[in-house]
Amino acid sequence: MCWAVGLKYTDGFRKLWPTVFVIVTLAASMVLLASAARTLPIGTAYAVWVGIGAMGAALLGIFLLREPVTIPRVLFLVLLLVSIVGLKVTSAK
């Protein structure tokens, strides 16, 4: 989620430090996905990884970038959280 929000600050990769931040956090994110894929099925690991990133980016957008908070948006974020937890809890090792 950090690299996704960081993209907003790179100005199309023209700003050095935000670009470095995006590259470093993206690499760290990939390492964490690879680590999760060791113990979870890849479909579950990837879905949870994407879901956490999407939820985190949406929440950071709300809190950092003052994006709108609407009832439908909050409802779908809650549904996303339920889906992430459900996939993790029901995944076979």
PDB file of N, CA and C in Angstrom:
ATOM      1  N   MET A   1       0.813  -1.193   0.000  1.00  0.00           N
ATOM      2  CA  MET A   1       0.000   0.000   0.000  1.00  0.00           C
ATOM      3  C   MET A   1       0.857   1.257   0.000  1.00  0.00           C
ATOM      4  N   CYS A   2       2.036   1.180   0.615  1.00  0.00           N
ATOM      5  CA  CYS A   2       2.913   2.351   0.645  1.00  0.00           C
ATOM      6  C   CYS A   2       3.372   2.742  -0.750  1.00  0.00           C
ATOM      7  N   TRP A   3       3.771   1.749  -1.545  1.00  0.00           N
ATOM      8  CA  TRP A   3       4.247   2.093  -2.880  1.00  0.00           C
ATOM      9  C   TRP A   3       3.112   2.617  -3.753  1.00  0.00           C
ATOM     10  N   ALA A   4       1.908   2.087  -3.565  1.00  0.00           N
ATOM     11  CA  ALA A   4       0.777   2.550  -4.375  1.00  0.00           C
ATOM     12  C   ALA A   4       0.462   4.013  -4.087  1.00  0.00           C
ATOM     13  N   VAL A   5       0.433   4.374  -2.823  1.00  0.00           N
ATOM     14  CA  VAL A   5       0.185   5.773  -2.459  1.00  0.00           C
ATOM     15  C   VAL A   5       1.389   6.629  -2.834  1.00  0.00           C
ATOM     16  N   GLY A   6       2.586   6.066  -2.691  1.00  0.00           N
ATOM     17  CA  GLY A   6       3.793   6.800  -3.051  1.00  0.00           C
ATOM     18  C   GLY A   6       3.819   7.228  -4.508  1.00  0.00           C
ATOM     19  N   LEU A   7       3.159   6.465  -5.373  1.00  0.00           N
ATOM     20  CA  LEU A   7       3.093   6.833  -6.790  1.00  0.00           C
ATOM     21  C   LEU A   7       2.511   8.226  -6.983  1.00  0.00           C
ATOM     22  N   LYS A   8       1.605   8.606  -6.111  1.00  0.00           N
ATOM     23  CA  LYS A   8       0.971   9.927  -6.193  1.00  0.00           C
ATOM     24  C   LYS A   8       2.005  11.051  -6.076  1.00  0.00           C
ATOM     25  N   TYR A   9       3.080  10.781  -5.340  1.00  0.00           N
ATOM     26  CA  TYR A   9       4.078  11.808  -5.055  1.00  0.00           C
ATOM     27  C   TYR A   9       5.279  11.801  -6.005  1.00  0.00           C
ATOM     28  N   THR A  10       5.356  10.827  -6.917  1.00  0.00           N
ATOM     29  CA  THR A  10       6.526  10.719  -7.793  1.00  0.00           C
ATOM     30  C   THR A  10       6.493  11.684  -8.976  1.00  0.00           C
ATOM     31  N   ASP A  11       5.339  12.238  -9.271  1.00  0.00           N
ATOM     32  CA  ASP A  11       5.177  13.129 -10.430  1.00  0.00           C
ATOM     33  C   ASP A  11       5.665  12.420 -11.692  1.00  0.00           C
ATOM     34  N   GLY A  12       5.126  11.219 -11.909  1.00  0.00           N
ATOM     35  CA  GLY A  12       5.502  10.453 -13.101  1.00  0.00           C
ATOM     36  C   GLY A  12       6.945   9.994 -13.067  1.00  0.00           C
ATOM     37  N   PHE A  13       7.448   9.682 -11.873  1.00  0.00           N
ATOM     38  CA  PHE A  13       8.826   9.249 -11.638  1.00  0.00           C
ATOM     39  C   PHE A  13       9.846  10.343 -11.969  1.00  0.00           C
ATOM     40  N   ARG A  14       9.427  11.593 -11.853  1.00  0.00           N
ATOM     41  CA  ARG A  14      10.350  12.709 -12.071  1.00  0.00           C
ATOM     42  C   ARG A  14      10.952  13.223 -10.765  1.00  0.00           C
ATOM     43  N   LYS A  15      10.401  12.828  -9.629  1.00  0.00           N
ATOM     44  CA  LYS A  15      10.942  13.242  -8.333  1.00  0.00           C
ATOM     45  C   LYS A  15      11.729  12.073  -7.749  1.00  0.00           C
ATOM     46  N   LEU A  16      13.000  12.323  -7.431  1.00  0.00           N
ATOM     47  CA  LEU A  16      13.915  11.259  -7.042  1.00  0.00           C
ATOM     48  C   LEU A  16      13.490  10.527  -5.780  1.00  0.00           C
ATOM     49  N   TRP A  17      13.322  11.208  -4.668  1.00  0.00           N
ATOM     50  CA  TRP A  17      13.092  10.518  -3.398  1.00  0.00           C
ATOM     51  C   TRP A  17      11.755   9.801  -3.323  1.00  0.00           C
ATOM     52  N   PRO A  18      10.681  10.381  -3.822  1.00  0.00           N
ATOM     53  CA  PRO A  18       9.443   9.586  -3.853  1.00  0.00           C
ATOM     54  C   PRO A  18       9.586   8.353  -4.753  1.00  0.00           C
ATOM     55  N   THR A  19      10.331   8.471  -5.843  1.00  0.00           N
ATOM     56  CA  THR A  19      10.559   7.328  -6.741  1.00  0.00           C
ATOM     57  C   THR A  19      11.377   6.250  -6.031  1.00  0.00           C
ATOM     58  N   VAL A  20      12.407   6.649  -5.301  1.00  0.00           N
ATOM     59  CA  VAL A  20      13.210   5.690  -4.539  1.00  0.00           C
ATOM     60  C   VAL A  20      12.322   4.997  -3.503  1.00  0.00           C
ATOM     61  N   PHE A  21      11.484   5.767  -2.819  1.00  0.00           N
ATOM     62  CA  PHE A  21      10.560   5.205  -1.828  1.00  0.00           C
ATOM     63  C   PHE A  21       9.656   4.155  -2.474  1.00  0.00           C
ATOM     64  N   VAL A  22       9.104   4.465  -3.641  1.00  0.00           N
ATOM     65  CA  VAL A  22       8.209   3.529  -4.339  1.00  0.00           C
ATOM     66  C   VAL A  22       8.962   2.251  -4.700  1.00  0.00           C
ATOM     67  N   ILE A  23      10.164   2.382  -5.233  1.00  0.00           N
ATOM     68  CA  ILE A  23      10.932   1.201  -5.643  1.00  0.00           C
ATOM     69  C   ILE A  23      11.272   0.320  -4.435  1.00  0.00           C
ATOM     70  N   VAL A  24      11.714   0.934  -3.347  1.00  0.00           N
ATOM     71  CA  VAL A  24      12.089   0.171  -2.150  1.00  0.00           C
ATOM     72  C   VAL A  24      10.864  -0.515  -1.540  1.00  0.00           C
ATOM     73  N   THR A  25       9.761   0.205  -1.401  1.00  0.00           N
ATOM     74  CA  THR A  25       8.580  -0.404  -0.788  1.00  0.00           C
ATOM     75  C   THR A  25       7.937  -1.439  -1.708  1.00  0.00           C
ATOM     76  N   LEU A  26       8.034  -1.255  -3.011  1.00  0.00           N
ATOM     77  CA  LEU A  26       7.530  -2.268  -3.942  1.00  0.00           C
ATOM     78  C   LEU A  26       8.359  -3.544  -3.832  1.00  0.00           C
ATOM     79  N   ALA A  27       9.669  -3.402  -3.748  1.00  0.00           N
ATOM     80  CA  ALA A  27      10.521  -4.583  -3.585  1.00  0.00           C
ATOM     81  C   ALA A  27      10.222  -5.295  -2.271  1.00  0.00           C
ATOM     82  N   ALA A  28      10.055  -4.536  -1.199  1.00  0.00           N
ATOM     83  CA  ALA A  28       9.722  -5.144   0.094  1.00  0.00           C
ATOM     84  C   ALA A  28       8.381  -5.860   0.024  1.00  0.00           C
ATOM     85  N   SER A  29       7.440  -5.269  -0.677  1.00  0.00           N
ATOM     86  CA  SER A  29       6.128  -5.877  -0.840  1.00  0.00           C
ATOM     87  C   SER A  29       6.220  -7.211  -1.580  1.00  0.00           C
ATOM     88  N   MET A  30       7.058  -7.262  -2.609  1.00  0.00           N
ATOM     89  CA  MET A  30       7.252  -8.508  -3.362  1.00  0.00           C
ATOM     90  C   MET A  30       7.901  -9.582  -2.484  1.00  0.00           C
ATOM     91  N   VAL A  31       8.848  -9.174  -1.652  1.00  0.00           N
ATOM     92  CA  VAL A  31       9.496 -10.121  -0.735  1.00  0.00           C
ATOM     93  C   VAL A  31       8.457 -10.704   0.227  1.00  0.00           C
ATOM     94  N   LEU A  32       7.578  -9.855   0.739  1.00  0.00           N
ATOM     95  CA  LEU A  32       6.533 -10.336   1.648  1.00  0.00           C
ATOM     96  C   LEU A  32       5.559 -11.270   0.930  1.00  0.00           C
ATOM     97  N   LEU A  33       5.218 -10.964  -0.323  1.00  0.00           N
ATOM     98  CA  LEU A  33       4.352 -11.860  -1.095  1.00  0.00           C
ATOM     99  C   LEU A  33       5.036 -13.211  -1.302  1.00  0.00           C
ATOM    100  N   ALA A  34       6.302 -13.189  -1.645  1.00  0.00           N
ATOM    101  CA  ALA A  34       7.038 -14.443  -1.845  1.00  0.00           C
ATOM    102  C   ALA A  34       7.087 -15.250  -0.549  1.00  0.00           C
ATOM    103  N   SER A  35       7.252 -14.569   0.558  1.00  0.00           N
ATOM    104  CA  SER A  35       7.268 -15.245   1.851  1.00  0.00           C
ATOM    105  C   SER A  35       5.913 -15.888   2.154  1.00  0.00           C
ATOM    106  N   ALA A  36       4.841 -15.168   1.888  1.00  0.00           N
ATOM    107  CA  ALA A  36       3.501 -15.711   2.118  1.00  0.00           C
ATOM    108  C   ALA A  36       3.226 -16.905   1.219  1.00  0.00           C
ATOM    109  N   ALA A  37       3.761 -16.869  -0.008  1.00  0.00           N
ATOM    110  CA  ALA A  37       3.527 -17.954  -0.968  1.00  0.00           C
ATOM    111  C   ALA A  37       4.219 -19.252  -0.554  1.00  0.00           C
ATOM    112  N   ARG A  38       5.137 -19.179   0.398  1.00  0.00           N
ATOM    113  CA  ARG A  38       5.774 -20.405   0.891  1.00  0.00           C
ATOM    114  C   ARG A  38       4.804 -21.261   1.692  1.00  0.00           C
ATOM    115  N   THR A  39       3.862 -20.623   2.378  1.00  0.00           N
ATOM    116  CA  THR A  39       2.965 -21.378   3.255  1.00  0.00           C
ATOM    117  C   THR A  39       1.513 -21.355   2.808  1.00  0.00           C
ATOM    118  N   LEU A  40       1.165 -20.502   1.888  1.00  0.00           N
ATOM    119  CA  LEU A  40      -0.215 -20.422   1.389  1.00  0.00           C
ATOM    120  C   LEU A  40      -0.246 -20.775  -0.089  1.00  0.00           C
ATOM    121  N   PRO A  41      -1.381 -21.269  -0.571  1.00  0.00           N
ATOM    122  CA  PRO A  41      -1.523 -21.439  -2.020  1.00  0.00           C
ATOM    123  C   PRO A  41      -1.339 -20.080  -2.704  1.00  0.00           C
ATOM    124  N   ILE A  42      -0.729 -20.059  -3.873  1.00  0.00           N
ATOM    125  CA  ILE A  42      -0.401 -18.792  -4.527  1.00  0.00           C
ATOM    126  C   ILE A  42      -1.651 -17.947  -4.805  1.00  0.00           C
ATOM    127  N   GLY A  43      -2.751 -18.588  -5.161  1.00  0.00           N
ATOM    128  CA  GLY A  43      -3.982 -17.835  -5.404  1.00  0.00           C
ATOM    129  C   GLY A  43      -4.447 -17.103  -4.156  1.00  0.00           C
ATOM    130  N   THR A  44      -4.389 -17.774  -3.030  1.00  0.00           N
ATOM    131  CA  THR A  44      -4.777 -17.155  -1.764  1.00  0.00           C
ATOM    132  C   THR A  44      -3.780 -16.077  -1.371  1.00  0.00           C
ATOM    133  N   ALA A  45      -2.490 -16.387  -1.464  1.00  0.00           N
ATOM    134  CA  ALA A  45      -1.457 -15.416  -1.084  1.00  0.00           C
ATOM    135  C   ALA A  45      -1.591 -14.142  -1.914  1.00  0.00           C
ATOM    136  N   TYR A  46      -1.756 -14.304  -3.214  1.00  0.00           N
ATOM    137  CA  TYR A  46      -1.859 -13.139  -4.098  1.00  0.00           C
ATOM    138  C   TYR A  46      -3.139 -12.357  -3.820  1.00  0.00           C
ATOM    139  N   ALA A  47      -4.254 -13.060  -3.643  1.00  0.00           N
ATOM    140  CA  ALA A  47      -5.523 -12.379  -3.377  1.00  0.00           C
ATOM    141  C   ALA A  47      -5.470 -11.592  -2.066  1.00  0.00           C
ATOM    142  N   VAL A  48      -4.879 -12.179  -1.046  1.00  0.00           N
ATOM    143  CA  VAL A  48      -4.745 -11.487   0.240  1.00  0.00           C
ATOM    144  C   VAL A  48      -3.795 -10.298   0.093  1.00  0.00           C
ATOM    145  N   TRP A  49      -2.693 -10.478  -0.619  1.00  0.00           N
ATOM    146  CA  TRP A  49      -1.724  -9.405  -0.857  1.00  0.00           C
ATOM    147  C   TRP A  49      -2.374  -8.227  -1.585  1.00  0.00           C
ATOM    148  N   VAL A  50      -3.105  -8.536  -2.645  1.00  0.00           N
ATOM    149  CA  VAL A  50      -3.797  -7.483  -3.397  1.00  0.00           C
ATOM    150  C   VAL A  50      -4.862  -6.818  -2.531  1.00  0.00           C
ATOM    151  N   GLY A  51      -5.619  -7.621  -1.787  1.00  0.00           N
ATOM    152  CA  GLY A  51      -6.678  -7.080  -0.941  1.00  0.00           C
ATOM    153  C   GLY A  51      -6.148  -6.155   0.137  1.00  0.00           C
ATOM    154  N   ILE A  52      -5.058  -6.566   0.796  1.00  0.00           N
ATOM    155  CA  ILE A  52      -4.457  -5.708   1.818  1.00  0.00           C
ATOM    156  C   ILE A  52      -3.953  -4.417   1.186  1.00  0.00           C
ATOM    157  N   GLY A  53      -3.320  -4.527   0.040  1.00  0.00           N
ATOM    158  CA  GLY A  53      -2.827  -3.333  -0.656  1.00  0.00           C
ATOM    159  C   GLY A  53      -3.950  -2.410  -1.079  1.00  0.00           C
ATOM    160  N   ALA A  54      -5.019  -2.978  -1.621  1.00  0.00           N
ATOM    161  CA  ALA A  54      -6.150  -2.167  -2.065  1.00  0.00           C
ATOM    162  C   ALA A  54      -6.824  -1.477  -0.877  1.00  0.00           C
ATOM    163  N   MET A  55      -7.033  -2.237   0.191  1.00  0.00           N
ATOM    164  CA  MET A  55      -7.665  -1.654   1.370  1.00  0.00           C
ATOM    165  C   MET A  55      -6.771  -0.574   1.977  1.00  0.00           C
ATOM    166  N   GLY A  56      -5.497  -0.879   2.110  1.00  0.00           N
ATOM    167  CA  GLY A  56      -4.575   0.099   2.679  1.00  0.00           C
ATOM    168  C   GLY A  56      -4.477   1.352   1.844  1.00  0.00           C
ATOM    169  N   ALA A  57      -4.410   1.194   0.520  1.00  0.00           N
ATOM    170  CA  ALA A  57      -4.334   2.358  -0.363  1.00  0.00           C
ATOM    171  C   ALA A  57      -5.606   3.198  -0.268  1.00  0.00           C
ATOM    172  N   ALA A  58      -6.744   2.543  -0.192  1.00  0.00           N
ATOM    173  CA  ALA A  58      -8.012   3.276  -0.065  1.00  0.00           C
ATOM    174  C   ALA A  58      -8.066   4.028   1.259  1.00  0.00           C
ATOM    175  N   LEU A  59      -7.645   3.380   2.342  1.00  0.00           N
ATOM    176  CA  LEU A  59      -7.661   4.045   3.651  1.00  0.00           C
ATOM    177  C   LEU A  59      -6.647   5.181   3.718  1.00  0.00           C
ATOM    178  N   LEU A  60      -5.456   4.965   3.175  1.00  0.00           N
ATOM    179  CA  LEU A  60      -4.468   6.042   3.151  1.00  0.00           C
ATOM    180  C   LEU A  60      -4.939   7.195   2.266  1.00  0.00           C
ATOM    181  N   GLY A  61      -5.632   6.869   1.179  1.00  0.00           N
ATOM    182  CA  GLY A  61      -6.207   7.918   0.337  1.00  0.00           C
ATOM    183  C   GLY A  61      -7.215   8.764   1.114  1.00  0.00           C
ATOM    184  N   ILE A  62      -8.010   8.104   1.921  1.00  0.00           N
ATOM    185  CA  ILE A  62      -8.998   8.822   2.730  1.00  0.00           C
ATOM    186  C   ILE A  62      -8.300   9.707   3.762  1.00  0.00           C
ATOM    187  N   PHE A  63      -7.325   9.139   4.476  1.00  0.00           N
ATOM    188  CA  PHE A  63      -6.700   9.874   5.581  1.00  0.00           C
ATOM    189  C   PHE A  63      -5.619  10.854   5.140  1.00  0.00           C
ATOM    190  N   LEU A  64      -4.810  10.492   4.144  1.00  0.00           N
ATOM    191  CA  LEU A  64      -3.714  11.365   3.720  1.00  0.00           C
ATOM    192  C   LEU A  64      -4.107  12.326   2.604  1.00  0.00           C
ATOM    193  N   LEU A  65      -4.883  11.824   1.664  1.00  0.00           N
ATOM    194  CA  LEU A  65      -5.203  12.617   0.474  1.00  0.00           C
ATOM    195  C   LEU A  65      -6.596  13.224   0.513  1.00  0.00           C
ATOM    196  N   ARG A  66      -7.294  13.004   1.621  1.00  0.00           N
ATOM    197  CA  ARG A  66      -8.644  13.549   1.832  1.00  0.00           C
ATOM    198  C   ARG A  66      -9.622  13.152   0.729  1.00  0.00           C
ATOM    199  N   GLU A  67      -9.527  11.892   0.317  1.00  0.00           N
ATOM    200  CA  GLU A  67     -10.493  11.374  -0.646  1.00  0.00           C
ATOM    201  C   GLU A  67     -11.836  11.223   0.063  1.00  0.00           C
ATOM    202  N   PRO A  68     -12.928  11.225  -0.687  1.00  0.00           N
ATOM    203  CA  PRO A  68     -14.253  11.201  -0.050  1.00  0.00           C
ATOM    204  C   PRO A  68     -14.541   9.900   0.704  1.00  0.00           C
ATOM    205  N   VAL A  69     -15.253  10.054   1.817  1.00  0.00           N
ATOM    206  CA  VAL A  69     -15.724   8.912   2.603  1.00  0.00           C
ATOM    207  C   VAL A  69     -17.224   8.844   2.403  1.00  0.00           C
ATOM    208  N   THR A  70     -17.661   7.794   1.720  1.00  0.00           N
ATOM    209  CA  THR A  70     -19.094   7.621   1.483  1.00  0.00           C
ATOM    210  C   THR A  70     -19.530   6.289   2.082  1.00  0.00           C
ATOM    211  N   ILE A  71     -20.802   6.168   2.329  1.00  0.00           N
ATOM    212  CA  ILE A  71     -21.325   4.915   2.885  1.00  0.00           C
ATOM    213  C   ILE A  71     -21.029   3.727   1.972  1.00  0.00           C
ATOM    214  N   PRO A  72     -21.266   3.830   0.663  1.00  0.00           N
ATOM    215  CA  PRO A  72     -20.929   2.675  -0.197  1.00  0.00           C
ATOM    216  C   PRO A  72     -19.438   2.332  -0.161  1.00  0.00           C
ATOM    217  N   ARG A  73     -18.584   3.338  -0.128  1.00  0.00           N
ATOM    218  CA  ARG A  73     -17.143   3.073  -0.098  1.00  0.00           C
ATOM    219  C   ARG A  73     -16.755   2.329   1.182  1.00  0.00           C
ATOM    220  N   VAL A  74     -17.271   2.782   2.304  1.00  0.00           N
ATOM    221  CA  VAL A  74     -16.992   2.113   3.581  1.00  0.00           C
ATOM    222  C   VAL A  74     -17.554   0.701   3.571  1.00  0.00           C
ATOM    223  N   LEU A  75     -18.755   0.521   3.035  1.00  0.00           N
ATOM    224  CA  LEU A  75     -19.363  -0.808   2.955  1.00  0.00           C
ATOM    225  C   LEU A  75     -18.484  -1.766   2.153  1.00  0.00           C
ATOM    226  N   PHE A  76     -17.998  -1.313   1.003  1.00  0.00           N
ATOM    227  CA  PHE A  76     -17.176  -2.191   0.181  1.00  0.00           C
ATOM    228  C   PHE A  76     -15.802  -2.445   0.797  1.00  0.00           C
ATOM    229  N   LEU A  77     -15.267  -1.498   1.545  1.00  0.00           N
ATOM    230  CA  LEU A  77     -14.022  -1.749   2.265  1.00  0.00           C
ATOM    231  C   LEU A  77     -14.232  -2.802   3.345  1.00  0.00           C
ATOM    232  N   VAL A  78     -15.373  -2.751   4.017  1.00  0.00           N
ATOM    233  CA  VAL A  78     -15.694  -3.777   5.023  1.00  0.00           C
ATOM    234  C   VAL A  78     -15.834  -5.141   4.340  1.00  0.00           C
ATOM    235  N   LEU A  79     -16.510  -5.180   3.202  1.00  0.00           N
ATOM    236  CA  LEU A  79     -16.645  -6.441   2.460  1.00  0.00           C
ATOM    237  C   LEU A  79     -15.276  -6.967   2.016  1.00  0.00           C
ATOM    238  N   LEU A  80     -14.402  -6.065   1.614  1.00  0.00           N
ATOM    239  CA  LEU A  80     -13.053  -6.461   1.222  1.00  0.00           C
ATOM    240  C   LEU A  80     -12.311  -7.063   2.406  1.00  0.00           C
ATOM    241  N   LEU A  81     -12.433  -6.450   3.564  1.00  0.00           N
ATOM    242  CA  LEU A  81     -11.797  -6.981   4.770  1.00  0.00           C
ATOM    243  C   LEU A  81     -12.333  -8.368   5.103  1.00  0.00           C
ATOM    244  N   VAL A  82     -13.641  -8.545   5.022  1.00  0.00           N
ATOM    245  CA  VAL A  82     -14.248  -9.857   5.284  1.00  0.00           C
ATOM    246  C   VAL A  82     -13.708 -10.886   4.281  1.00  0.00           C
ATOM    247  N   SER A  83     -13.569 -10.484   3.029  1.00  0.00           N
ATOM    248  CA  SER A  83     -13.041 -11.394   2.006  1.00  0.00           C
ATOM    249  C   SER A  83     -11.596 -11.782   2.274  1.00  0.00           C
ATOM    250  N   ILE A  84     -10.779 -10.810   2.654  1.00  0.00           N
ATOM    251  CA  ILE A  84      -9.371 -11.090   2.951  1.00  0.00           C
ATOM    252  C   ILE A  84      -9.262 -12.073   4.110  1.00  0.00           C
ATOM    253  N   VAL A  85      -9.975 -11.798   5.176  1.00  0.00           N
ATOM    254  CA  VAL A  85      -9.938 -12.681   6.348  1.00  0.00           C
ATOM    255  C   VAL A  85     -10.480 -14.058   5.984  1.00  0.00           C
ATOM    256  N   GLY A  86     -11.580 -14.096   5.228  1.00  0.00           N
ATOM    257  CA  GLY A  86     -12.177 -15.371   4.828  1.00  0.00           C
ATOM    258  C   GLY A  86     -11.233 -16.211   3.996  1.00  0.00           C
ATOM    259  N   LEU A  87     -10.538 -15.598   3.048  1.00  0.00           N
ATOM    260  CA  LEU A  87      -9.576 -16.341   2.225  1.00  0.00           C
ATOM    261  C   LEU A  87      -8.442 -16.896   3.075  1.00  0.00           C
ATOM    262  N   LYS A  88      -7.955 -16.084   3.969  1.00  0.00           N
ATOM    263  CA  LYS A  88      -6.838 -16.530   4.814  1.00  0.00           C
ATOM    264  C   LYS A  88      -7.267 -17.664   5.739  1.00  0.00           C
ATOM    265  N   VAL A  89      -8.428 -17.522   6.355  1.00  0.00           N
ATOM    266  CA  VAL A  89      -8.903 -18.517   7.326  1.00  0.00           C
ATOM    267  C   VAL A  89      -9.231 -19.854   6.649  1.00  0.00           C
ATOM    268  N   THR A  90      -9.752 -19.792   5.440  1.00  0.00           N
ATOM    269  CA  THR A  90     -10.180 -21.022   4.776  1.00  0.00           C
ATOM    270  C   THR A  90      -9.123 -21.625   3.854  1.00  0.00           C
ATOM    271  N   SER A  91      -7.946 -21.021   3.790  1.00  0.00           N
ATOM    272  CA  SER A  91      -6.928 -21.556   2.866  1.00  0.00           C
ATOM    273  C   SER A  91      -6.336 -22.846   3.412  1.00  0.00           C
ATOM    274  N   ALA A  92      -6.108 -23.761   2.487  1.00  0.00           N
ATOM    275  CA  ALA A  92      -5.457 -25.028   2.852  1.00  0.00           C
ATOM    276  C   ALA A  92      -3.954 -24.830   2.727  1.00  0.00           C
ATOM    277  N   LYS A  93      -3.213 -25.473   3.583  1.00  0.00           N
ATOM    278  CA  LYS A  93      -1.749 -25.326   3.538  1.00  0.00           C
ATOM    279  C   LYS A  93      -1.127 -26.290   2.579  1.00  0.00           C
TER     280      LYS A  93
END
